[in-house]
Each structure stands twice: as C-alpha cells, then as structure tokens.
mmCIF file of all heavy atoms, coordinates in Angstrom:
data_MODEL
# 
_entry.id   MODEL 
# 
loop_
_atom_site.group_PDB 
_atom_site.id 
_atom_site.type_symbol 
_atom_site.label_atom_id 
_atom_site.label_alt_id 
_atom_site.label_comp_id 
_atom_site.label_asym_id 
_atom_site.label_entity_id 
_atom_site.label_seq_id 
_atom_site.pdbx_PDB_ins_code 
_atom_site.Cartn_x 
_atom_site.Cartn_y 
_atom_site.Cartn_z 
_atom_site.occupancy 
_atom_site.B_iso_or_equiv 
_atom_site.pdbx_formal_charge 
_atom_site.auth_seq_id 
_atom_site.auth_comp_id 
_atom_site.auth_asym_id 
_atom_site.auth_atom_id 
_atom_site.pdbx_PDB_model_num 
ATOM 1   N N   . VAL A 1 1  ? -0.473 3.525   -7.825  1.00 0.00 ? 1  VAL A N   1 
ATOM 2   C CA  . VAL A 1 1  ? 0.153  4.434   -8.809  1.00 0.00 ? 1  VAL A CA  1 
ATOM 3   C C   . VAL A 1 1  ? 0.649  5.670   -7.970  1.00 0.00 ? 1  VAL A C   1 
ATOM 4   O O   . VAL A 1 1  ? -0.150 6.282   -7.301  1.00 0.00 ? 1  VAL A O   1 
ATOM 5   C CB  . VAL A 1 1  ? -0.892 4.879   -9.873  1.00 0.00 ? 1  VAL A CB  1 
ATOM 6   C CG1 . VAL A 1 1  ? -0.260 5.863   -10.755 1.00 0.00 ? 1  VAL A CG1 1 
ATOM 7   C CG2 . VAL A 1 1  ? -1.348 3.622   -10.565 1.00 0.00 ? 1  VAL A CG2 1 
ATOM 8   N N   . GLY A 1 2  ? 1.945  5.813   -7.974  1.00 0.00 ? 2  GLY A N   1 
ATOM 9   C CA  . GLY A 1 2  ? 2.635  6.894   -7.339  1.00 0.00 ? 2  GLY A CA  1 
ATOM 10  C C   . GLY A 1 2  ? 3.396  6.297   -6.182  1.00 0.00 ? 2  GLY A C   1 
ATOM 11  O O   . GLY A 1 2  ? 3.139  5.172   -5.716  1.00 0.00 ? 2  GLY A O   1 
ATOM 12  N N   . ALA A 1 3  ? 4.516  6.901   -5.863  1.00 0.00 ? 3  ALA A N   1 
ATOM 13  C CA  . ALA A 1 3  ? 5.436  6.353   -4.858  1.00 0.00 ? 3  ALA A CA  1 
ATOM 14  C C   . ALA A 1 3  ? 5.867  7.419   -3.877  1.00 0.00 ? 3  ALA A C   1 
ATOM 15  O O   . ALA A 1 3  ? 6.923  7.350   -3.237  1.00 0.00 ? 3  ALA A O   1 
ATOM 16  C CB  . ALA A 1 3  ? 6.665  5.734   -5.576  1.00 0.00 ? 3  ALA A CB  1 
ATOM 17  N N   . GLY A 1 4  ? 4.992  8.391   -3.716  1.00 0.00 ? 4  GLY A N   1 
ATOM 18  C CA  . GLY A 1 4  ? 5.237  9.559   -2.873  1.00 0.00 ? 4  GLY A CA  1 
ATOM 19  C C   . GLY A 1 4  ? 4.785  9.207   -1.417  1.00 0.00 ? 4  GLY A C   1 
ATOM 20  O O   . GLY A 1 4  ? 4.515  8.100   -1.064  1.00 0.00 ? 4  GLY A O   1 
ATOM 21  N N   . LEU A 1 5  ? 4.721  10.255  -0.598  1.00 0.00 ? 5  LEU A N   1 
ATOM 22  C CA  . LEU A 1 5  ? 4.372  10.149  0.770   1.00 0.00 ? 5  LEU A CA  1 
ATOM 23  C C   . LEU A 1 5  ? 2.986  9.415   1.062   1.00 0.00 ? 5  LEU A C   1 
ATOM 24  O O   . LEU A 1 5  ? 2.869  8.470   1.790   1.00 0.00 ? 5  LEU A O   1 
ATOM 25  C CB  . LEU A 1 5  ? 4.352  11.477  1.399   1.00 0.00 ? 5  LEU A CB  1 
ATOM 26  C CG  . LEU A 1 5  ? 4.008  11.496  2.983   1.00 0.00 ? 5  LEU A CG  1 
ATOM 27  C CD1 . LEU A 1 5  ? 4.999  10.810  3.778   1.00 0.00 ? 5  LEU A CD1 1 
ATOM 28  C CD2 . LEU A 1 5  ? 3.891  12.974  3.400   1.00 0.00 ? 5  LEU A CD2 1 
ATOM 29  N N   . ILE A 1 6  ? 2.061  9.867   0.361   1.00 0.00 ? 6  ILE A N   1 
ATOM 30  C CA  . ILE A 1 6  ? 0.624  9.319   0.453   1.00 0.00 ? 6  ILE A CA  1 
ATOM 31  C C   . ILE A 1 6  ? 0.606  7.945   -0.007  1.00 0.00 ? 6  ILE A C   1 
ATOM 32  O O   . ILE A 1 6  ? -0.031 7.043   0.596   1.00 0.00 ? 6  ILE A O   1 
ATOM 33  C CB  . ILE A 1 6  ? -0.416 10.208  -0.239  1.00 0.00 ? 6  ILE A CB  1 
ATOM 34  C CG1 . ILE A 1 6  ? -0.478 11.622  0.438   1.00 0.00 ? 6  ILE A CG1 1 
ATOM 35  C CG2 . ILE A 1 6  ? -1.783 9.556   -0.237  1.00 0.00 ? 6  ILE A CG2 1 
ATOM 36  C CD1 . ILE A 1 6  ? -0.729 11.626  1.954   1.00 0.00 ? 6  ILE A CD1 1 
ATOM 37  N N   . ALA A 1 7  ? 1.221  7.631   -1.224  1.00 0.00 ? 7  ALA A N   1 
ATOM 38  C CA  . ALA A 1 7  ? 1.286  6.250   -1.645  1.00 0.00 ? 7  ALA A CA  1 
ATOM 39  C C   . ALA A 1 7  ? 1.929  5.313   -0.670  1.00 0.00 ? 7  ALA A C   1 
ATOM 40  O O   . ALA A 1 7  ? 1.439  4.185   -0.461  1.00 0.00 ? 7  ALA A O   1 
ATOM 41  C CB  . ALA A 1 7  ? 2.073  6.221   -2.950  1.00 0.00 ? 7  ALA A CB  1 
ATOM 42  N N   . GLY A 1 8  ? 3.018  5.851   0.004   1.00 0.00 ? 8  GLY A N   1 
ATOM 43  C CA  . GLY A 1 8  ? 3.598  5.029   1.006   1.00 0.00 ? 8  GLY A CA  1 
ATOM 44  C C   . GLY A 1 8  ? 2.687  4.602   2.133   1.00 0.00 ? 8  GLY A C   1 
ATOM 45  O O   . GLY A 1 8  ? 2.640  3.509   2.680   1.00 0.00 ? 8  GLY A O   1 
ATOM 46  N N   . CYS A 1 9  ? 1.856  5.643   2.520   1.00 0.00 ? 9  CYS A N   1 
ATOM 47  C CA  . CYS A 1 9  ? 0.859  5.372   3.593   1.00 0.00 ? 9  CYS A CA  1 
ATOM 48  C C   . CYS A 1 9  ? -0.203 4.312   3.126   1.00 0.00 ? 9  CYS A C   1 
ATOM 49  O O   . CYS A 1 9  ? -0.554 3.432   3.838   1.00 0.00 ? 9  CYS A O   1 
ATOM 50  C CB  . CYS A 1 9  ? 0.066  6.683   3.884   1.00 0.00 ? 9  CYS A CB  1 
ATOM 51  S SG  . CYS A 1 9  ? 1.074  7.912   4.781   1.00 0.00 ? 9  CYS A SG  1 
ATOM 52  N N   . HIS A 1 10 ? -0.622 4.414   1.817   1.00 0.00 ? 10 HIS A N   1 
ATOM 53  C CA  . HIS A 1 10 ? -1.564 3.449   1.299   1.00 0.00 ? 10 HIS A CA  1 
ATOM 54  C C   . HIS A 1 10 ? -0.943 2.070   1.236   1.00 0.00 ? 10 HIS A C   1 
ATOM 55  O O   . HIS A 1 10 ? -1.601 1.094   1.620   1.00 0.00 ? 10 HIS A O   1 
ATOM 56  C CB  . HIS A 1 10 ? -2.020 3.828   -0.101  1.00 0.00 ? 10 HIS A CB  1 
ATOM 57  C CG  . HIS A 1 10 ? -2.906 5.071   -0.141  1.00 0.00 ? 10 HIS A CG  1 
ATOM 58  N ND1 . HIS A 1 10 ? -2.801 6.033   -1.018  1.00 0.00 ? 10 HIS A ND1 1 
ATOM 59  C CD2 . HIS A 1 10 ? -3.898 5.397   0.695   1.00 0.00 ? 10 HIS A CD2 1 
ATOM 60  C CE1 . HIS A 1 10 ? -3.704 7.026   -0.805  1.00 0.00 ? 10 HIS A CE1 1 
ATOM 61  N NE2 . HIS A 1 10 ? -4.351 6.587   0.196   1.00 0.00 ? 10 HIS A NE2 1 
ATOM 62  N N   . VAL A 1 11 ? 0.352  1.985   0.830   1.00 0.00 ? 11 VAL A N   1 
ATOM 63  C CA  . VAL A 1 11 ? 1.034  0.668   0.742   1.00 0.00 ? 11 VAL A CA  1 
ATOM 64  C C   . VAL A 1 11 ? 1.036  0.027   2.141   1.00 0.00 ? 11 VAL A C   1 
ATOM 65  O O   . VAL A 1 11 ? 0.826  -1.187  2.280   1.00 0.00 ? 11 VAL A O   1 
ATOM 66  C CB  . VAL A 1 11 ? 2.327  0.843   0.060   1.00 0.00 ? 11 VAL A CB  1 
ATOM 67  C CG1 . VAL A 1 11 ? 3.195  -0.449  0.251   1.00 0.00 ? 11 VAL A CG1 1 
ATOM 68  C CG2 . VAL A 1 11 ? 2.210  1.119   -1.437  1.00 0.00 ? 11 VAL A CG2 1 
ATOM 69  N N   . ARG A 1 12 ? 1.500  0.805   3.114   1.00 0.00 ? 12 ARG A N   1 
ATOM 70  C CA  . ARG A 1 12 ? 1.563  0.274   4.496   1.00 0.00 ? 12 ARG A CA  1 
ATOM 71  C C   . ARG A 1 12 ? 0.159  -0.153  4.992   1.00 0.00 ? 12 ARG A C   1 
ATOM 72  O O   . ARG A 1 12 ? 0.079  -1.229  5.579   1.00 0.00 ? 12 ARG A O   1 
ATOM 73  C CB  . ARG A 1 12 ? 2.156  1.273   5.428   1.00 0.00 ? 12 ARG A CB  1 
ATOM 74  C CG  . ARG A 1 12 ? 3.679  1.441   5.238   1.00 0.00 ? 12 ARG A CG  1 
ATOM 75  C CD  . ARG A 1 12 ? 4.322  2.330   6.291   1.00 0.00 ? 12 ARG A CD  1 
ATOM 76  N NE  . ARG A 1 12 ? 3.859  3.678   6.282   1.00 0.00 ? 12 ARG A NE  1 
ATOM 77  C CZ  . ARG A 1 12 ? 4.284  4.683   5.418   1.00 0.00 ? 12 ARG A CZ  1 
ATOM 78  N NH1 . ARG A 1 12 ? 5.190  4.316   4.501   1.00 0.00 ? 12 ARG A NH1 1 
ATOM 79  N NH2 . ARG A 1 12 ? 3.806  5.834   5.563   1.00 0.00 ? 12 ARG A NH2 1 
ATOM 80  N N   . ALA A 1 13 ? -0.847 0.591   4.659   1.00 0.00 ? 13 ALA A N   1 
ATOM 81  C CA  . ALA A 1 13 ? -2.150 0.168   5.144   1.00 0.00 ? 13 ALA A CA  1 
ATOM 82  C C   . ALA A 1 13 ? -2.634 -1.105  4.400   1.00 0.00 ? 13 ALA A C   1 
ATOM 83  O O   . ALA A 1 13 ? -3.229 -1.973  5.044   1.00 0.00 ? 13 ALA A O   1 
ATOM 84  C CB  . ALA A 1 13 ? -3.170 1.272   4.849   1.00 0.00 ? 13 ALA A CB  1 
ATOM 85  N N   . TYR A 1 14 ? -2.365 -1.167  3.131   1.00 0.00 ? 14 TYR A N   1 
ATOM 86  C CA  . TYR A 1 14 ? -2.715 -2.392  2.389   1.00 0.00 ? 14 TYR A CA  1 
ATOM 87  C C   . TYR A 1 14 ? -2.078 -3.642  2.963   1.00 0.00 ? 14 TYR A C   1 
ATOM 88  O O   . TYR A 1 14 ? -2.616 -4.673  2.998   1.00 0.00 ? 14 TYR A O   1 
ATOM 89  C CB  . TYR A 1 14 ? -2.380 -2.213  0.841   1.00 0.00 ? 14 TYR A CB  1 
ATOM 90  C CG  . TYR A 1 14 ? -3.348 -1.387  0.048   1.00 0.00 ? 14 TYR A CG  1 
ATOM 91  C CD1 . TYR A 1 14 ? -2.863 -0.475  -0.914  1.00 0.00 ? 14 TYR A CD1 1 
ATOM 92  C CD2 . TYR A 1 14 ? -4.729 -1.437  0.265   1.00 0.00 ? 14 TYR A CD2 1 
ATOM 93  C CE1 . TYR A 1 14 ? -3.682 0.291   -1.566  1.00 0.00 ? 14 TYR A CE1 1 
ATOM 94  C CE2 . TYR A 1 14 ? -5.579 -0.644  -0.450  1.00 0.00 ? 14 TYR A CE2 1 
ATOM 95  C CZ  . TYR A 1 14 ? -4.992 0.227   -1.409  1.00 0.00 ? 14 TYR A CZ  1 
ATOM 96  O OH  . TYR A 1 14 ? -5.899 1.002   -2.072  1.00 0.00 ? 14 TYR A OH  1 
ATOM 97  N N   . THR A 1 15 ? -0.721 -3.498  3.223   1.00 0.00 ? 15 THR A N   1 
ATOM 98  C CA  . THR A 1 15 ? -0.002 -4.640  3.729   1.00 0.00 ? 15 THR A CA  1 
ATOM 99  C C   . THR A 1 15 ? -0.528 -5.132  5.157   1.00 0.00 ? 15 THR A C   1 
ATOM 100 O O   . THR A 1 15 ? -0.226 -6.270  5.500   1.00 0.00 ? 15 THR A O   1 
ATOM 101 C CB  . THR A 1 15 ? 1.572  -4.457  3.817   1.00 0.00 ? 15 THR A CB  1 
ATOM 102 O OG1 . THR A 1 15 ? 1.769  -3.298  4.652   1.00 0.00 ? 15 THR A OG1 1 
ATOM 103 C CG2 . THR A 1 15 ? 2.073  -4.165  2.431   1.00 0.00 ? 15 THR A CG2 1 
ATOM 104 N N   . LYS A 1 16 ? -1.174 -4.174  5.872   1.00 0.00 ? 16 LYS A N   1 
ATOM 105 C CA  . LYS A 1 16 ? -1.694 -4.561  7.185   1.00 0.00 ? 16 LYS A CA  1 
ATOM 106 C C   . LYS A 1 16 ? -3.128 -5.138  7.065   1.00 0.00 ? 16 LYS A C   1 
ATOM 107 O O   . LYS A 1 16 ? -3.655 -5.514  8.090   1.00 0.00 ? 16 LYS A O   1 
ATOM 108 C CB  . LYS A 1 16 ? -1.679 -3.449  8.070   1.00 0.00 ? 16 LYS A CB  1 
ATOM 109 C CG  . LYS A 1 16 ? -0.309 -2.966  8.478   1.00 0.00 ? 16 LYS A CG  1 
ATOM 110 C CD  . LYS A 1 16 ? -0.317 -1.739  9.336   1.00 0.00 ? 16 LYS A CD  1 
ATOM 111 C CE  . LYS A 1 16 ? 1.109  -1.268  9.653   1.00 0.00 ? 16 LYS A CE  1 
ATOM 112 N NZ  . LYS A 1 16 ? 1.186  -0.036  10.371  1.00 0.00 ? 16 LYS A NZ  1 
ATOM 113 N N   . THR A 1 17 ? -3.686 -5.084  5.857   1.00 0.00 ? 17 THR A N   1 
ATOM 114 C CA  . THR A 1 17 ? -5.031 -5.542  5.658   1.00 0.00 ? 17 THR A CA  1 
ATOM 115 C C   . THR A 1 17 ? -5.154 -6.966  5.146   1.00 0.00 ? 17 THR A C   1 
ATOM 116 O O   . THR A 1 17 ? -4.499 -7.392  4.146   1.00 0.00 ? 17 THR A O   1 
ATOM 117 C CB  . THR A 1 17 ? -5.770 -4.625  4.586   1.00 0.00 ? 17 THR A CB  1 
ATOM 118 O OG1 . THR A 1 17 ? -5.612 -3.257  5.031   1.00 0.00 ? 17 THR A OG1 1 
ATOM 119 C CG2 . THR A 1 17 ? -7.211 -5.055  4.437   1.00 0.00 ? 17 THR A CG2 1 
ATOM 120 N N   . GLU A 1 18 ? -5.724 -7.836  5.970   1.00 0.00 ? 18 GLU A N   1 
ATOM 121 C CA  . GLU A 1 18 ? -5.908 -9.246  5.599   1.00 0.00 ? 18 GLU A CA  1 
ATOM 122 C C   . GLU A 1 18 ? -6.618 -9.385  4.261   1.00 0.00 ? 18 GLU A C   1 
ATOM 123 O O   . GLU A 1 18 ? -7.612 -8.749  3.931   1.00 0.00 ? 18 GLU A O   1 
ATOM 124 C CB  . GLU A 1 18 ? -6.684 -9.935  6.670   1.00 0.00 ? 18 GLU A CB  1 
ATOM 125 C CG  . GLU A 1 18 ? -6.774 -11.419 6.475   1.00 0.00 ? 18 GLU A CG  1 
ATOM 126 C CD  . GLU A 1 18 ? -7.472 -12.127 7.611   1.00 0.00 ? 18 GLU A CD  1 
ATOM 127 O OE1 . GLU A 1 18 ? -7.568 -11.524 8.663   1.00 0.00 ? 18 GLU A OE1 1 
ATOM 128 O OE2 . GLU A 1 18 ? -7.946 -13.296 7.317   1.00 0.00 ? 18 GLU A OE2 1 
ATOM 129 N N   . GLY A 1 19 ? -5.988 -10.281 3.452   1.00 0.00 ? 19 GLY A N   1 
ATOM 130 C CA  . GLY A 1 19 ? -6.648 -10.577 2.178   1.00 0.00 ? 19 GLY A CA  1 
ATOM 131 C C   . GLY A 1 19 ? -6.230 -9.572  1.050   1.00 0.00 ? 19 GLY A C   1 
ATOM 132 O O   . GLY A 1 19 ? -6.776 -9.655  -0.101  1.00 0.00 ? 19 GLY A O   1 
ATOM 133 N N   . VAL A 1 20 ? -5.226 -8.645  1.328   1.00 0.00 ? 20 VAL A N   1 
ATOM 134 C CA  . VAL A 1 20 ? -4.785 -7.729  0.298   1.00 0.00 ? 20 VAL A CA  1 
ATOM 135 C C   . VAL A 1 20 ? -3.322 -7.906  -0.028  1.00 0.00 ? 20 VAL A C   1 
ATOM 136 O O   . VAL A 1 20 ? -2.511 -7.916  0.976   1.00 0.00 ? 20 VAL A O   1 
ATOM 137 C CB  . VAL A 1 20 ? -5.169 -6.302  0.726   1.00 0.00 ? 20 VAL A CB  1 
ATOM 138 C CG1 . VAL A 1 20 ? -4.553 -5.274  -0.366  1.00 0.00 ? 20 VAL A CG1 1 
ATOM 139 C CG2 . VAL A 1 20 ? -6.594 -6.050  0.909   1.00 0.00 ? 20 VAL A CG2 1 
ATOM 140 N N   . ASP A 1 21 ? -2.942 -8.000  -1.191  1.00 0.00 ? 21 ASP A N   1 
ATOM 141 C CA  . ASP A 1 21 ? -1.479 -8.131  -1.603  1.00 0.00 ? 21 ASP A CA  1 
ATOM 142 C C   . ASP A 1 21 ? -1.138 -6.963  -2.515  1.00 0.00 ? 21 ASP A C   1 
ATOM 143 O O   . ASP A 1 21 ? -1.760 -6.865  -3.501  1.00 0.00 ? 21 ASP A O   1 
ATOM 144 C CB  . ASP A 1 21 ? -1.183 -9.394  -2.248  1.00 0.00 ? 21 ASP A CB  1 
ATOM 145 C CG  . ASP A 1 21 ? -1.323 -10.660 -1.387  1.00 0.00 ? 21 ASP A CG  1 
ATOM 146 O OD1 . ASP A 1 21 ? -0.962 -10.534 -0.184  1.00 0.00 ? 21 ASP A OD1 1 
ATOM 147 O OD2 . ASP A 1 21 ? -1.806 -11.727 -1.860  1.00 0.00 ? 21 ASP A OD2 1 
ATOM 148 N N   . VAL A 1 22 ? -0.128 -6.220  -2.116  1.00 0.00 ? 22 VAL A N   1 
ATOM 149 C CA  . VAL A 1 22 ? 0.401  -5.167  -3.086  1.00 0.00 ? 22 VAL A CA  1 
ATOM 150 C C   . VAL A 1 22 ? 1.376  -5.872  -4.002  1.00 0.00 ? 22 VAL A C   1 
ATOM 151 O O   . VAL A 1 22 ? 2.309  -6.454  -3.567  1.00 0.00 ? 22 VAL A O   1 
ATOM 152 C CB  . VAL A 1 22 ? 1.149  -4.042  -2.300  1.00 0.00 ? 22 VAL A CB  1 
ATOM 153 C CG1 . VAL A 1 22 ? 1.680  -3.054  -3.207  1.00 0.00 ? 22 VAL A CG1 1 
ATOM 154 C CG2 . VAL A 1 22 ? 0.195  -3.317  -1.275  1.00 0.00 ? 22 VAL A CG2 1 
ATOM 155 N N   . VAL A 1 23 ? 0.958  -5.798  -5.297  1.00 0.00 ? 23 VAL A N   1 
ATOM 156 C CA  . VAL A 1 23 ? 1.770  -6.536  -6.308  1.00 0.00 ? 23 VAL A CA  1 
ATOM 157 C C   . VAL A 1 23 ? 2.623  -5.636  -7.111  1.00 0.00 ? 23 VAL A C   1 
ATOM 158 O O   . VAL A 1 23 ? 3.594  -6.096  -7.779  1.00 0.00 ? 23 VAL A O   1 
ATOM 159 C CB  . VAL A 1 23 ? 0.903  -7.436  -7.161  1.00 0.00 ? 23 VAL A CB  1 
ATOM 160 C CG1 . VAL A 1 23 ? 0.258  -8.536  -6.318  1.00 0.00 ? 23 VAL A CG1 1 
ATOM 161 C CG2 . VAL A 1 23 ? -0.094 -6.577  -7.928  1.00 0.00 ? 23 VAL A CG2 1 
ATOM 162 N N   . ALA A 1 24 ? 2.253  -4.377  -7.226  1.00 0.00 ? 24 ALA A N   1 
ATOM 163 C CA  . ALA A 1 24 ? 3.010  -3.397  -8.020  1.00 0.00 ? 24 ALA A CA  1 
ATOM 164 C C   . ALA A 1 24 ? 2.895  -1.961  -7.583  1.00 0.00 ? 24 ALA A C   1 
ATOM 165 O O   . ALA A 1 24 ? 1.860  -1.652  -6.927  1.00 0.00 ? 24 ALA A O   1 
ATOM 166 C CB  . ALA A 1 24 ? 2.415  -3.493  -9.486  1.00 0.00 ? 24 ALA A CB  1 
# 
C-alpha cells in the first residue's frame, strides 16, 4: 500500500526475497 519512495524500497526488497511474490 503506497507507491512512493519507501514503498519502492519495500517492493525491491520483496522481489529479492525467495518465496515472496508482490502481486499488487
């Protein structure tokens, strides 16, 4: 939830984490 700077950091971290898929 959110698409700002910090959300972008979270999304990048999630995509590098095995077993985690960002779906929305």
